[in-house]
Amino acid sequence: MFEGLFQPMHLLMIFGIALLVFGPKKLPELGKGLGESIRGFKSAMAAQDEPVAIPAANKPEKSS
């Protein structure tokens, strides 16, 4: 279904349409924002894999 979707001519057409819609000044800002969001997502996924340590001060005390 998606064979040949990202051929060079298709990518040039997508870039050209994006250039027309957003303009040459806004395109670098959009790329920077997209890169930052991907980096933030990756770091959040990596932080999710790490075990969370509970400090001793926040542990509930057992009452007898």
C-alpha atoms as a PDB file:
ATOM      1  CA  MET A   1       0.000   0.000   0.000  1.00  0.00           C
ATOM      2  CA  PHE A   2       2.783   2.432   0.894  1.00  0.00           C
ATOM      3  CA  GLU A   3       5.335   1.172  -1.640  1.00  0.00           C
ATOM      4  CA  GLY A   4       7.297   4.019  -3.149  1.00  0.00           C
ATOM      5  CA  LEU A   5       5.631   6.625  -0.964  1.00  0.00           C
ATOM      6  CA  PHE A   6       8.857   8.460  -0.194  1.00  0.00           C
ATOM      7  CA  GLN A   7      10.398   8.695  -3.627  1.00  0.00           C
ATOM      8  CA  PRO A   8      12.549  11.785  -4.248  1.00  0.00           C
ATOM      9  CA  MET A   9       9.963  13.430  -6.513  1.00  0.00           C
ATOM     10  CA  HIS A  10       7.233  12.967  -3.889  1.00  0.00           C
ATOM     11  CA  LEU A  11       9.432  14.463  -1.181  1.00  0.00           C
ATOM     12  CA  LEU A  12      10.200  17.478  -3.391  1.00  0.00           C
ATOM     13  CA  MET A  13       6.490  18.016  -4.010  1.00  0.00           C
ATOM     14  CA  ILE A  14       5.719  17.804  -0.275  1.00  0.00           C
ATOM     15  CA  PHE A  15       8.516  20.287   0.483  1.00  0.00           C
ATOM     16  CA  GLY A  16       7.270  22.641  -2.237  1.00  0.00           C
ATOM     17  CA  ILE A  17       3.708  22.595  -0.911  1.00  0.00           C
ATOM     18  CA  ALA A  18       4.959  23.171   2.649  1.00  0.00           C
ATOM     19  CA  LEU A  19       7.041  26.096   1.389  1.00  0.00           C
ATOM     20  CA  LEU A  20       3.990  27.632  -0.279  1.00  0.00           C
ATOM     21  CA  VAL A  21       1.758  27.137   2.750  1.00  0.00           C
ATOM     22  CA  PHE A  22       4.103  28.223   5.541  1.00  0.00           C
ATOM     23  CA  GLY A  23       6.595  30.465   3.770  1.00  0.00           C
ATOM     24  CA  PRO A  24      10.392  30.436   3.861  1.00  0.00           C
ATOM     25  CA  LYS A  25      10.665  32.261   7.204  1.00  0.00           C
ATOM     26  CA  LYS A  26       8.347  29.954   9.140  1.00  0.00           C
ATOM     27  CA  LEU A  27       9.700  26.616   7.831  1.00  0.00           C
ATOM     28  CA  PRO A  28      12.946  26.558   9.941  1.00  0.00           C
ATOM     29  CA  GLU A  29      10.930  27.362  13.074  1.00  0.00           C
ATOM     30  CA  LEU A  30       8.584  24.465  12.346  1.00  0.00           C
ATOM     31  CA  GLY A  31      11.536  22.112  11.835  1.00  0.00           C
ATOM     32  CA  LYS A  32      13.129  23.222  15.088  1.00  0.00           C
ATOM     33  CA  GLY A  33       9.883  22.727  16.996  1.00  0.00           C
ATOM     34  CA  LEU A  34       9.404  19.275  15.485  1.00  0.00           C
ATOM     35  CA  GLY A  35      12.957  18.269  16.421  1.00  0.00           C
ATOM     36  CA  GLU A  36      12.509  19.474  19.998  1.00  0.00           C
ATOM     37  CA  SER A  37       9.243  17.593  20.370  1.00  0.00           C
ATOM     38  CA  ILE A  38      10.817  14.359  19.078  1.00  0.00           C
ATOM     39  CA  ARG A  39      13.743  14.762  21.504  1.00  0.00           C
ATOM     40  CA  GLY A  40      11.334  15.406  24.375  1.00  0.00           C
ATOM     41  CA  PHE A  41       9.302  12.319  23.473  1.00  0.00           C
ATOM     42  CA  LYS A  42      12.447  10.158  23.359  1.00  0.00           C
ATOM     43  CA  SER A  43      13.641  11.415  26.748  1.00  0.00           C
ATOM     44  CA  ALA A  44      10.203  10.835  28.274  1.00  0.00           C
ATOM     45  CA  MET A  45      10.163   7.278  26.946  1.00  0.00           C
ATOM     46  CA  ALA A  46      13.672   6.675  28.358  1.00  0.00           C
ATOM     47  CA  ALA A  47      12.646   8.121  31.732  1.00  0.00           C
ATOM     48  CA  GLN A  48       9.608   5.859  31.812  1.00  0.00           C
ATOM     49  CA  ASP A  49      11.839   2.769  31.601  1.00  0.00           C
ATOM     50  CA  GLU A  50      13.905   3.775  34.644  1.00  0.00           C
ATOM     51  CA  PRO A  51      12.648   2.602  38.063  1.00  0.00           C
ATOM     52  CA  VAL A  52      11.380   5.353  40.321  1.00  0.00           C
ATOM     53  CA  ALA A  53      13.006   5.534  43.764  1.00  0.00           C
ATOM     54  CA  ILE A  54      10.800   6.640  46.650  1.00  0.00           C
ATOM     55  CA  PRO A  55      12.663   8.814  49.182  1.00  0.00           C
ATOM     56  CA  ALA A  56      12.584   7.619  52.795  1.00  0.00           C
ATOM     57  CA  ALA A  57      10.842  10.810  53.949  1.00  0.00           C
ATOM     58  CA  ASN A  58       7.815  10.140  51.722  1.00  0.00           C
ATOM     59  CA  LYS A  59       7.283   6.501  52.704  1.00  0.00           C
ATOM     60  CA  PRO A  60       4.128   5.937  54.758  1.00  0.00           C
ATOM     61  CA  GLU A  61       4.721   4.793  58.325  1.00  0.00           C
ATOM     62  CA  LYS A  62       3.172   1.566  59.538  1.00  0.00           C
ATOM     63  CA  SER A  63       1.134   1.919  62.718  1.00  0.00           C
ATOM     64  CA  SER A  64       0.836  -0.971  65.158  1.00  0.00           C
END
